[in-house]
N, C-alpha and C. Protein backbone atom coordinates (compact mmCIF):
# COMPACT_ATOMS: atom_id res chain seq x y z
N MET A 1 0.83 -1.34 -0.04
CA MET A 1 0.01 0.01 -0.11
C MET A 1 0.88 1.17 -0.15
N PRO A 2 0.68 2.19 -0.88
CA PRO A 2 1.54 3.52 -0.90
C PRO A 2 1.35 4.21 0.38
N ARG A 3 2.48 4.83 0.95
CA ARG A 3 2.45 5.64 2.05
C ARG A 3 1.83 6.99 2.01
N ASN A 4 1.73 7.47 0.75
CA ASN A 4 1.09 8.79 0.60
C ASN A 4 0.49 8.91 -0.73
N GLU A 5 -0.28 10.00 -0.97
CA GLU A 5 -1.13 10.30 -2.02
C GLU A 5 -0.09 10.33 -3.37
N GLN A 6 1.20 11.02 -3.13
CA GLN A 6 1.90 10.96 -4.19
C GLN A 6 2.44 9.55 -4.86
N GLU A 7 2.46 8.76 -3.90
CA GLU A 7 3.00 7.35 -4.31
C GLU A 7 1.85 6.82 -5.12
N ALA A 8 0.56 6.97 -4.59
CA ALA A 8 -0.56 6.31 -5.10
C ALA A 8 -0.58 6.83 -6.60
N ASP A 9 -0.60 8.35 -6.67
CA ASP A 9 -0.90 8.86 -7.91
C ASP A 9 0.25 8.11 -9.10
N ALA A 10 1.42 8.12 -8.53
CA ALA A 10 2.39 7.45 -9.52
C ALA A 10 2.06 6.21 -10.17
N VAL A 11 1.28 5.49 -9.23
CA VAL A 11 0.97 4.05 -9.72
C VAL A 11 -0.27 4.16 -10.72
N VAL A 12 -1.28 4.91 -10.17
CA VAL A 12 -2.47 5.14 -10.87
C VAL A 12 -2.51 5.84 -12.25
N ASP A 13 -1.57 7.05 -12.17
CA ASP A 13 -1.71 7.76 -13.25
C ASP A 13 -1.41 7.38 -14.68
N PRO A 14 -0.33 6.46 -14.84
CA PRO A 14 -0.25 5.68 -16.22
C PRO A 14 -1.22 4.68 -16.45
N VAL A 15 -1.92 4.19 -15.63
CA VAL A 15 -3.04 3.37 -15.89
C VAL A 15 -4.32 4.10 -16.56
N ILE A 16 -4.59 5.12 -16.01
CA ILE A 16 -5.71 6.21 -16.16
C ILE A 16 -5.17 6.73 -17.77
N ALA A 17 -3.92 7.01 -17.87
CA ALA A 17 -3.39 7.73 -19.10
C ALA A 17 -3.80 6.55 -20.32
N GLU A 18 -3.47 5.25 -20.09
CA GLU A 18 -3.48 4.24 -20.95
C GLU A 18 -5.08 3.98 -21.35
N MET A 19 -6.09 4.12 -20.27
CA MET A 19 -7.35 4.00 -20.42
C MET A 19 -7.86 5.04 -21.33
N ASN A 20 -7.47 6.23 -20.97
CA ASN A 20 -8.09 7.34 -21.85
C ASN A 20 -7.50 7.34 -23.24
N ALA A 21 -6.50 6.99 -23.30
CA ALA A 21 -5.92 6.98 -24.79
C ALA A 21 -6.60 5.75 -25.46
N ARG A 22 -6.84 4.57 -24.84
CA ARG A 22 -7.75 3.84 -25.69
C ARG A 22 -9.23 4.18 -25.89
N LEU A 23 -10.00 4.81 -25.05
CA LEU A 23 -11.18 5.50 -25.16
C LEU A 23 -11.07 6.46 -26.22
N GLU A 24 -10.20 7.34 -26.23
CA GLU A 24 -10.05 8.34 -27.47
C GLU A 24 -9.75 7.68 -28.77
N ALA A 25 -9.01 6.66 -28.77
CA ALA A 25 -8.81 5.99 -30.07
C ALA A 25 -10.11 5.28 -30.52
N GLU A 26 -11.00 4.75 -29.79
CA GLU A 26 -12.13 4.09 -30.09
C GLU A 26 -13.03 5.26 -30.37
N PHE A 27 -13.07 6.27 -29.73
CA PHE A 27 -14.09 7.29 -29.98
C PHE A 27 -13.59 7.84 -31.29
N ALA A 28 -12.51 7.99 -31.49
CA ALA A 28 -12.04 8.70 -32.89
C ALA A 28 -12.40 7.70 -34.09
N ALA A 29 -12.30 6.35 -33.96
CA ALA A 29 -12.58 5.46 -34.95
C ALA A 29 -14.07 5.44 -35.23
N GLU A 30 -15.03 5.64 -34.15
CA GLU A 30 -16.25 5.77 -34.38
C GLU A 30 -16.66 6.83 -34.96
N ASN A 31 -16.21 8.02 -34.92
CA ASN A 31 -16.49 9.23 -35.44
C ASN A 31 -16.03 9.23 -36.96
N GLU A 32 -15.05 8.46 -37.24
CA GLU A 32 -14.71 8.37 -38.52
C GLU A 32 -15.72 7.58 -39.40
N HIS A 33 -16.05 6.47 -38.69
CA HIS A 33 -17.25 5.94 -39.29
C HIS A 33 -18.62 6.66 -39.57
N THR A 34 -18.95 7.19 -38.61
CA THR A 34 -20.26 7.96 -38.69
C THR A 34 -20.15 9.33 -39.65
N THR A 35 -18.97 9.98 -39.58
CA THR A 35 -18.90 10.97 -40.69
C THR A 35 -18.69 10.68 -41.95
N GLN A 36 -18.43 9.36 -42.37
CA GLN A 36 -18.19 8.97 -43.70
C GLN A 36 -19.54 8.70 -44.33
N GLY A 37 -20.47 8.47 -43.34
CA GLY A 37 -21.89 8.11 -43.71
C GLY A 37 -22.30 9.48 -44.42
N ASP A 38 -21.95 10.59 -43.94
CA ASP A 38 -22.59 12.02 -44.46
C ASP A 38 -21.89 12.14 -45.77
C-alpha cells in the first residue's frame, strides 16, 4: 500500500492515461465511421 497520495498517483496515473488513450482511439474510430456516412 502506498504511504502517501503522491506514491498512489505515481501508480494510478499511467493506468488512467492508458485507459484514456484507448477510449479516445475508440471514439475517434467511431467518429470516422459516422462522418463517412454523411
